[in-house]
C-alpha cells in the first residue's frame, strides 16, 4: 500500500476532528449545534450566520468568504492550531451548552406562562 501524501494525511487528520462548514444550507445550524455539543471545533465560511457561533481561535476558525483563498487561509490557521483542537472543542461545547435552554419544555412553556400571567393582570 502506498504511503499517503502529506495532503492526504492532513485530510485524514481533519476528518472527524473538526467540522468543515463552508456553505449555508437548511441544516447548517443543526450541524453546528451538534458538532459543538459533541466538543468539535469548526472551520466555517462567513455565510448565512455560520460565523456568529464561532469565536475565532477559541471555538474554531472563520474563513472570510467561501472562496479558495479565504478557505486556504482558514485551513492553514486551523492546521497551525491543531494542538489546541481538543481545548477548542471543549470551549465549543461550553459555548453551545450556555446558548441552549437547560430544558426544552421550559423554553416551550415560558412564553405561554408569560402570556397567561399578563392576561391575569
C-alpha atoms as a PDB file:
ATOM      1  CA  UNK A   1       0.000   0.000   0.000  1.00  0.00           C
ATOM      2  CA  UNK A   2       1.480   3.406  -0.968  1.00  0.00           C
ATOM      3  CA  UNK A   3       2.345   5.953   1.696  1.00  0.00           C
ATOM      4  CA  UNK A   4      -0.265   8.742   1.827  1.00  0.00           C
ATOM      5  CA  UNK A   5       0.885  12.139   0.630  1.00  0.00           C
ATOM      6  CA  UNK A   6       1.089  14.973   3.196  1.00  0.00           C
ATOM      7  CA  UNK A   7      -2.158  16.368   1.730  1.00  0.00           C
ATOM      8  CA  UNK A   8      -3.892  13.012   2.253  1.00  0.00           C
ATOM      9  CA  UNK A   9      -2.538  12.778   5.785  1.00  0.00           C
ATOM     10  CA  UNK A  10      -3.845  16.270   6.511  1.00  0.00           C
ATOM     11  CA  UNK A  11      -7.293  15.332   5.204  1.00  0.00           C
ATOM     12  CA  UNK A  12      -7.327  12.253   7.400  1.00  0.00           C
ATOM     13  CA  UNK A  13      -6.337  14.324  10.412  1.00  0.00           C
ATOM     14  CA  UNK A  14      -9.155  16.780   9.761  1.00  0.00           C
ATOM     15  CA  UNK A  15     -11.827  14.128   9.242  1.00  0.00           C
ATOM     16  CA  UNK A  16     -13.880  13.631  12.378  1.00  0.00           C
ATOM     17  CA  UNK A  17     -11.883  16.106  14.435  1.00  0.00           C
ATOM     18  CA  UNK A  18     -13.151  19.451  13.154  1.00  0.00           C
ATOM     19  CA  UNK A  19     -16.392  20.446  11.430  1.00  0.00           C
ATOM     20  CA  UNK A  20     -15.919  21.937   7.965  1.00  0.00           C
ATOM     21  CA  UNK A  21     -18.917  24.088   7.062  1.00  0.00           C
ATOM     22  CA  UNK A  22     -18.168  26.255   4.061  1.00  0.00           C
ATOM     23  CA  UNK A  23     -21.681  26.917   2.755  1.00  0.00           C
ATOM     24  CA  UNK A  24     -25.064  27.678   4.205  1.00  0.00           C
ATOM     25  CA  UNK A  25     -27.732  25.013   3.956  1.00  0.00           C
ATOM     26  CA  UNK A  26     -31.012  24.491   5.720  1.00  0.00           C
ATOM     27  CA  UNK A  27     -29.379  22.100   8.161  1.00  0.00           C
ATOM     28  CA  UNK A  28     -26.228  24.128   8.837  1.00  0.00           C
ATOM     29  CA  UNK A  29     -27.432  25.355  12.233  1.00  0.00           C
ATOM     30  CA  UNK A  30     -28.244  21.803  13.316  1.00  0.00           C
ATOM     31  CA  UNK A  31     -24.822  20.597  12.139  1.00  0.00           C
ATOM     32  CA  UNK A  32     -23.081  23.396  14.041  1.00  0.00           C
ATOM     33  CA  UNK A  33     -25.103  22.766  17.182  1.00  0.00           C
ATOM     34  CA  UNK A  34     -24.447  19.029  17.102  1.00  0.00           C
ATOM     35  CA  UNK A  35     -20.732  19.399  16.407  1.00  0.00           C
ATOM     36  CA  UNK A  36     -20.271  21.983  19.144  1.00  0.00           C
ATOM     37  CA  UNK A  37     -22.231  19.941  21.691  1.00  0.00           C
ATOM     38  CA  UNK A  38     -20.035  16.953  20.770  1.00  0.00           C
ATOM     39  CA  UNK A  39     -16.950  19.036  21.513  1.00  0.00           C
ATOM     40  CA  UNK A  40     -15.797  19.640  17.957  1.00  0.00           C
ATOM     41  CA  UNK A  41     -14.264  22.914  16.850  1.00  0.00           C
ATOM     42  CA  UNK A  42     -15.427  24.218  13.487  1.00  0.00           C
ATOM     43  CA  UNK A  43     -13.943  25.776  10.406  1.00  0.00           C
ATOM     44  CA  UNK A  44     -16.707  27.809   8.775  1.00  0.00           C
ATOM     45  CA  UNK A  45     -17.098  30.313   5.983  1.00  0.00           C
ATOM     46  CA  UNK A  46     -18.733  33.593   6.993  1.00  0.00           C
ATOM     47  CA  UNK A  47     -22.016  32.937   5.183  1.00  0.00           C
ATOM     48  CA  UNK A  48     -25.557  32.573   6.444  1.00  0.00           C
ATOM     49  CA  UNK A  49     -24.703  33.316  10.051  1.00  0.00           C
ATOM     50  CA  UNK A  50     -22.135  30.500  10.382  1.00  0.00           C
ATOM     51  CA  UNK A  51     -19.541  32.828  11.910  1.00  0.00           C
ATOM     52  CA  UNK A  52     -21.903  34.104  14.621  1.00  0.00           C
ATOM     53  CA  UNK A  53     -21.370  30.973  16.698  1.00  0.00           C
ATOM     54  CA  UNK A  54     -17.600  30.788  16.277  1.00  0.00           C
ATOM     55  CA  UNK A  55     -15.096  32.609  18.452  1.00  0.00           C
ATOM     56  CA  UNK A  56     -12.034  32.814  16.189  1.00  0.00           C
ATOM     57  CA  UNK A  57      -9.213  30.772  17.693  1.00  0.00           C
ATOM     58  CA  UNK A  58     -11.300  29.778  20.706  1.00  0.00           C
ATOM     59  CA  UNK A  59     -14.087  27.593  19.299  1.00  0.00           C
ATOM     60  CA  UNK A  60     -12.962  27.401  15.689  1.00  0.00           C
ATOM     61  CA  UNK A  61     -11.722  29.273  12.656  1.00  0.00           C
ATOM     62  CA  UNK A  62     -13.640  31.535  10.274  1.00  0.00           C
ATOM     63  CA  UNK A  63     -12.931  31.918   6.567  1.00  0.00           C
ATOM     64  CA  UNK A  64     -13.894  35.423   5.475  1.00  0.00           C
ATOM     65  CA  UNK A  65     -15.725  34.048   2.440  1.00  0.00           C
ATOM     66  CA  UNK A  66     -16.318  30.703   0.730  1.00  0.00           C
ATOM     67  CA  UNK A  67     -13.532  31.399  -1.754  1.00  0.00           C
ATOM     68  CA  UNK A  68     -10.444  29.243  -2.332  1.00  0.00           C
ATOM     69  CA  UNK A  69      -8.105  31.940  -0.994  1.00  0.00           C
ATOM     70  CA  UNK A  70     -10.123  32.557   2.192  1.00  0.00           C
ATOM     71  CA  UNK A  71     -10.667  28.859   2.836  1.00  0.00           C
ATOM     72  CA  UNK A  72      -6.967  28.121   2.281  1.00  0.00           C
ATOM     73  CA  UNK A  73      -6.031  30.795   4.810  1.00  0.00           C
ATOM     74  CA  UNK A  74      -8.533  29.417   7.338  1.00  0.00           C
ATOM     75  CA  UNK A  75      -7.300  25.841   6.789  1.00  0.00           C
ATOM     76  CA  UNK A  76      -3.742  26.998   7.426  1.00  0.00           C
ATOM     77  CA  UNK A  77      -4.782  28.767  10.662  1.00  0.00           C
ATOM     78  CA  UNK A  78      -6.737  25.687  11.754  1.00  0.00           C
ATOM     79  CA  UNK A  79      -3.813  23.386  10.985  1.00  0.00           C
ATOM     80  CA  UNK A  80      -1.390  25.591  12.922  1.00  0.00           C
ATOM     81  CA  UNK A  81      -3.805  25.464  15.872  1.00  0.00           C
ATOM     82  CA  UNK A  82      -4.261  21.662  15.728  1.00  0.00           C
ATOM     83  CA  UNK A  83      -2.559  21.207  19.102  1.00  0.00           C
ATOM     84  CA  UNK A  84      -5.413  23.279  20.594  1.00  0.00           C
ATOM     85  CA  UNK A  85      -8.296  21.466  18.857  1.00  0.00           C
ATOM     86  CA  UNK A  86      -9.204  19.478  21.949  1.00  0.00           C
ATOM     87  CA  UNK A  87      -9.408  22.643  24.050  1.00  0.00           C
ATOM     88  CA  UNK A  88     -11.284  24.428  21.275  1.00  0.00           C
ATOM     89  CA  UNK A  89     -13.744  21.553  21.231  1.00  0.00           C
ATOM     90  CA  UNK A  90     -14.281  21.788  24.983  1.00  0.00           C
ATOM     91  CA  UNK A  91     -14.845  25.526  24.655  1.00  0.00           C
ATOM     92  CA  UNK A  92     -17.278  24.904  21.768  1.00  0.00           C
ATOM     93  CA  UNK A  93     -19.260  22.564  24.000  1.00  0.00           C
ATOM     94  CA  UNK A  94     -19.381  25.142  26.803  1.00  0.00           C
ATOM     95  CA  UNK A  95     -20.444  27.940  24.464  1.00  0.00           C
ATOM     96  CA  UNK A  96     -23.231  25.938  22.844  1.00  0.00           C
ATOM     97  CA  UNK A  97     -24.468  24.490  26.121  1.00  0.00           C
ATOM     98  CA  UNK A  98     -24.743  28.025  27.524  1.00  0.00           C
ATOM     99  CA  UNK A  99     -26.775  29.117  24.468  1.00  0.00           C
ATOM    100  CA  UNK A 100     -29.311  26.326  24.822  1.00  0.00           C
ATOM    101  CA  UNK A 101     -32.098  26.194  27.349  1.00  0.00           C
ATOM    102  CA  UNK A 102     -31.445  23.714  30.137  1.00  0.00           C
ATOM    103  CA  UNK A 103     -34.842  22.180  29.482  1.00  0.00           C
ATOM    104  CA  UNK A 104     -36.746  22.315  26.188  1.00  0.00           C
ATOM    105  CA  UNK A 105     -40.081  22.138  27.992  1.00  0.00           C
ATOM    106  CA  UNK A 106     -39.192  25.271  29.956  1.00  0.00           C
ATOM    107  CA  UNK A 107     -38.404  27.098  26.715  1.00  0.00           C
ATOM    108  CA  UNK A 108     -41.697  25.939  25.210  1.00  0.00           C
ATOM    109  CA  UNK A 109     -43.874  26.802  28.199  1.00  0.00           C
ATOM    110  CA  UNK A 110     -42.208  30.075  29.202  1.00  0.00           C
ATOM    111  CA  UNK A 111     -43.954  32.298  26.583  1.00  0.00           C
ATOM    112  CA  UNK A 112     -47.286  30.580  27.282  1.00  0.00           C
ATOM    113  CA  UNK A 113     -46.955  31.136  31.028  1.00  0.00           C
ATOM    114  CA  UNK A 114     -45.888  34.759  30.472  1.00  0.00           C
ATOM    115  CA  UNK A 115     -48.935  35.405  28.276  1.00  0.00           C
ATOM    116  CA  UNK A 116     -51.215  33.784  30.862  1.00  0.00           C
ATOM    117  CA  UNK A 117     -49.769  35.994  33.642  1.00  0.00           C
ATOM    118  CA  UNK A 118     -50.193  39.119  31.500  1.00  0.00           C
ATOM    119  CA  UNK A 119     -53.848  38.288  30.862  1.00  0.00           C
ATOM    120  CA  UNK A 120     -54.459  37.789  34.582  1.00  0.00           C
ATOM    121  CA  UNK A 121     -53.021  41.222  35.411  1.00  0.00           C
END
